[in-house]
Amino acid sequence: MGRGSGLKQDVPGRTVTIERSYQDLKDELGLDHYEGRSFIGWHHHVTVVLACYAFLIAEHARSFPPSAQREGCDQSLSHAA
């Protein structure tokens, strides 16, 4: 049994989250738009994209705290039932 085979068993639900985040990085922030030739230029591009993504995630968390989301979900589910 290889080392990598246990990874998917440990975090089965994370694959979809990771793929969705990667797609957001490509679509919304232009992760795949770099067409330069140097590693330094690519590194700068990826660093800026990841910094922007971190900022967006932090702003989203600040605007919608987890406790408010849980309370909102409970209310909406009770209204839906």
C-alpha atoms as a PDB file:
ATOM      1  CA  MET A   1       0.000   0.000   0.000  1.00  0.00           C
ATOM      2  CA  GLY A   2       1.530   3.311  -1.065  1.00  0.00           C
ATOM      3  CA  ARG A   3       1.758   6.434   0.940  1.00  0.00           C
ATOM      4  CA  GLY A   4      -0.492   8.448  -1.374  1.00  0.00           C
ATOM      5  CA  SER A   5      -3.358   5.961  -1.240  1.00  0.00           C
ATOM      6  CA  GLY A   6      -4.101   6.763   2.424  1.00  0.00           C
ATOM      7  CA  LEU A   7      -4.439  10.468   1.702  1.00  0.00           C
ATOM      8  CA  LYS A   8      -7.766  10.150  -0.106  1.00  0.00           C
ATOM      9  CA  GLN A   9      -9.105   7.965   2.674  1.00  0.00           C
ATOM     10  CA  ASP A  10      -8.177  10.574   5.287  1.00  0.00           C
ATOM     11  CA  VAL A  11      -9.863  13.526   3.533  1.00  0.00           C
ATOM     12  CA  PRO A  12     -12.534  12.243   1.142  1.00  0.00           C
ATOM     13  CA  GLY A  13     -14.616  15.438   1.064  1.00  0.00           C
ATOM     14  CA  ARG A  14     -11.683  17.792   0.529  1.00  0.00           C
ATOM     15  CA  THR A  15     -11.121  16.917  -3.134  1.00  0.00           C
ATOM     16  CA  VAL A  16     -14.208  18.800  -4.298  1.00  0.00           C
ATOM     17  CA  THR A  17     -13.298  21.832  -2.162  1.00  0.00           C
ATOM     18  CA  ILE A  18      -9.749  21.917  -3.514  1.00  0.00           C
ATOM     19  CA  GLU A  19     -10.909  21.567  -7.117  1.00  0.00           C
ATOM     20  CA  ARG A  20     -13.518  24.310  -6.658  1.00  0.00           C
ATOM     21  CA  SER A  21     -10.923  26.658  -5.130  1.00  0.00           C
ATOM     22  CA  TYR A  22      -8.489  25.952  -7.965  1.00  0.00           C
ATOM     23  CA  GLN A  23     -11.210  26.662 -10.534  1.00  0.00           C
ATOM     24  CA  ASP A  24     -12.026  29.962  -8.780  1.00  0.00           C
ATOM     25  CA  LEU A  25      -8.345  30.896  -8.877  1.00  0.00           C
ATOM     26  CA  LYS A  26      -8.275  30.237 -12.606  1.00  0.00           C
ATOM     27  CA  ASP A  27     -11.608  31.821 -13.544  1.00  0.00           C
ATOM     28  CA  GLU A  28     -11.921  34.787 -11.210  1.00  0.00           C
ATOM     29  CA  LEU A  29      -8.328  35.756 -10.459  1.00  0.00           C
ATOM     30  CA  GLY A  30      -6.455  34.766 -13.618  1.00  0.00           C
ATOM     31  CA  LEU A  31      -4.148  32.082 -12.286  1.00  0.00           C
ATOM     32  CA  ASP A  32      -3.819  30.612 -15.769  1.00  0.00           C
ATOM     33  CA  HIS A  33      -3.284  33.942 -17.595  1.00  0.00           C
ATOM     34  CA  TYR A  34       0.490  34.131 -17.198  1.00  0.00           C
ATOM     35  CA  GLU A  35       2.297  33.723 -20.526  1.00  0.00           C
ATOM     36  CA  GLY A  36       5.817  34.766 -19.561  1.00  0.00           C
ATOM     37  CA  ARG A  37       8.973  32.758 -19.873  1.00  0.00           C
ATOM     38  CA  SER A  38      10.787  33.234 -16.569  1.00  0.00           C
ATOM     39  CA  PHE A  39      10.292  31.460 -13.284  1.00  0.00           C
ATOM     40  CA  ILE A  40      10.596  34.779 -11.437  1.00  0.00           C
ATOM     41  CA  GLY A  41       7.732  36.292 -13.462  1.00  0.00           C
ATOM     42  CA  TRP A  42       5.570  33.211 -12.929  1.00  0.00           C
ATOM     43  CA  HIS A  43       6.382  33.246  -9.215  1.00  0.00           C
ATOM     44  CA  HIS A  44       5.370  36.908  -8.923  1.00  0.00           C
ATOM     45  CA  HIS A  45       2.124  36.238 -10.797  1.00  0.00           C
ATOM     46  CA  VAL A  46       1.169  33.263  -8.635  1.00  0.00           C
ATOM     47  CA  THR A  47       2.084  35.170  -5.460  1.00  0.00           C
ATOM     48  CA  VAL A  48      -0.185  38.086  -6.377  1.00  0.00           C
ATOM     49  CA  VAL A  49      -3.052  35.755  -7.334  1.00  0.00           C
ATOM     50  CA  LEU A  50      -2.779  33.843  -4.053  1.00  0.00           C
ATOM     51  CA  ALA A  51      -2.582  37.094  -2.056  1.00  0.00           C
ATOM     52  CA  CYS A  52      -5.758  38.311  -3.783  1.00  0.00           C
ATOM     53  CA  TYR A  53      -7.465  34.995  -3.080  1.00  0.00           C
ATOM     54  CA  ALA A  54      -6.471  35.182   0.604  1.00  0.00           C
ATOM     55  CA  PHE A  55      -7.871  38.715   0.772  1.00  0.00           C
ATOM     56  CA  LEU A  56     -11.172  37.638  -0.783  1.00  0.00           C
ATOM     57  CA  ILE A  57     -11.495  34.683   1.597  1.00  0.00           C
ATOM     58  CA  ALA A  58     -10.721  36.934   4.601  1.00  0.00           C
ATOM     59  CA  GLU A  59     -13.286  39.518   3.487  1.00  0.00           C
ATOM     60  CA  HIS A  60     -15.888  36.808   2.977  1.00  0.00           C
ATOM     61  CA  ALA A  61     -15.195  35.394   6.445  1.00  0.00           C
ATOM     62  CA  ARG A  62     -15.415  38.879   7.958  1.00  0.00           C
ATOM     63  CA  SER A  63     -18.699  39.623   6.204  1.00  0.00           C
ATOM     64  CA  PHE A  64     -20.256  36.234   6.895  1.00  0.00           C
ATOM     65  CA  PRO A  65     -18.914  34.810  10.181  1.00  0.00           C
ATOM     66  CA  PRO A  66     -19.365  31.049  10.647  1.00  0.00           C
ATOM     67  CA  SER A  67     -21.683  31.485  13.637  1.00  0.00           C
ATOM     68  CA  ALA A  68     -24.028  33.708  11.613  1.00  0.00           C
ATOM     69  CA  GLN A  69     -24.053  31.191   8.773  1.00  0.00           C
ATOM     70  CA  ARG A  70     -24.993  28.363  11.112  1.00  0.00           C
ATOM     71  CA  GLU A  71     -27.815  30.372  12.640  1.00  0.00           C
ATOM     72  CA  GLY A  72     -29.024  31.438   9.199  1.00  0.00           C
ATOM     73  CA  CYS A  73     -28.979  27.874   7.930  1.00  0.00           C
ATOM     74  CA  ASP A  74     -30.982  26.621  10.876  1.00  0.00           C
ATOM     75  CA  GLN A  75     -33.612  29.305  10.364  1.00  0.00           C
ATOM     76  CA  SER A  76     -33.873  28.803   6.629  1.00  0.00           C
ATOM     77  CA  LEU A  77     -34.195  25.039   7.043  1.00  0.00           C
ATOM     78  CA  SER A  78     -36.954  25.429   9.612  1.00  0.00           C
ATOM     79  CA  HIS A  79     -38.795  27.843   7.310  1.00  0.00           C
ATOM     80  CA  ALA A  80     -38.395  25.470   4.383  1.00  0.00           C
ATOM     81  CA  ALA A  81     -39.854  22.552   6.298  1.00  0.00           C
END
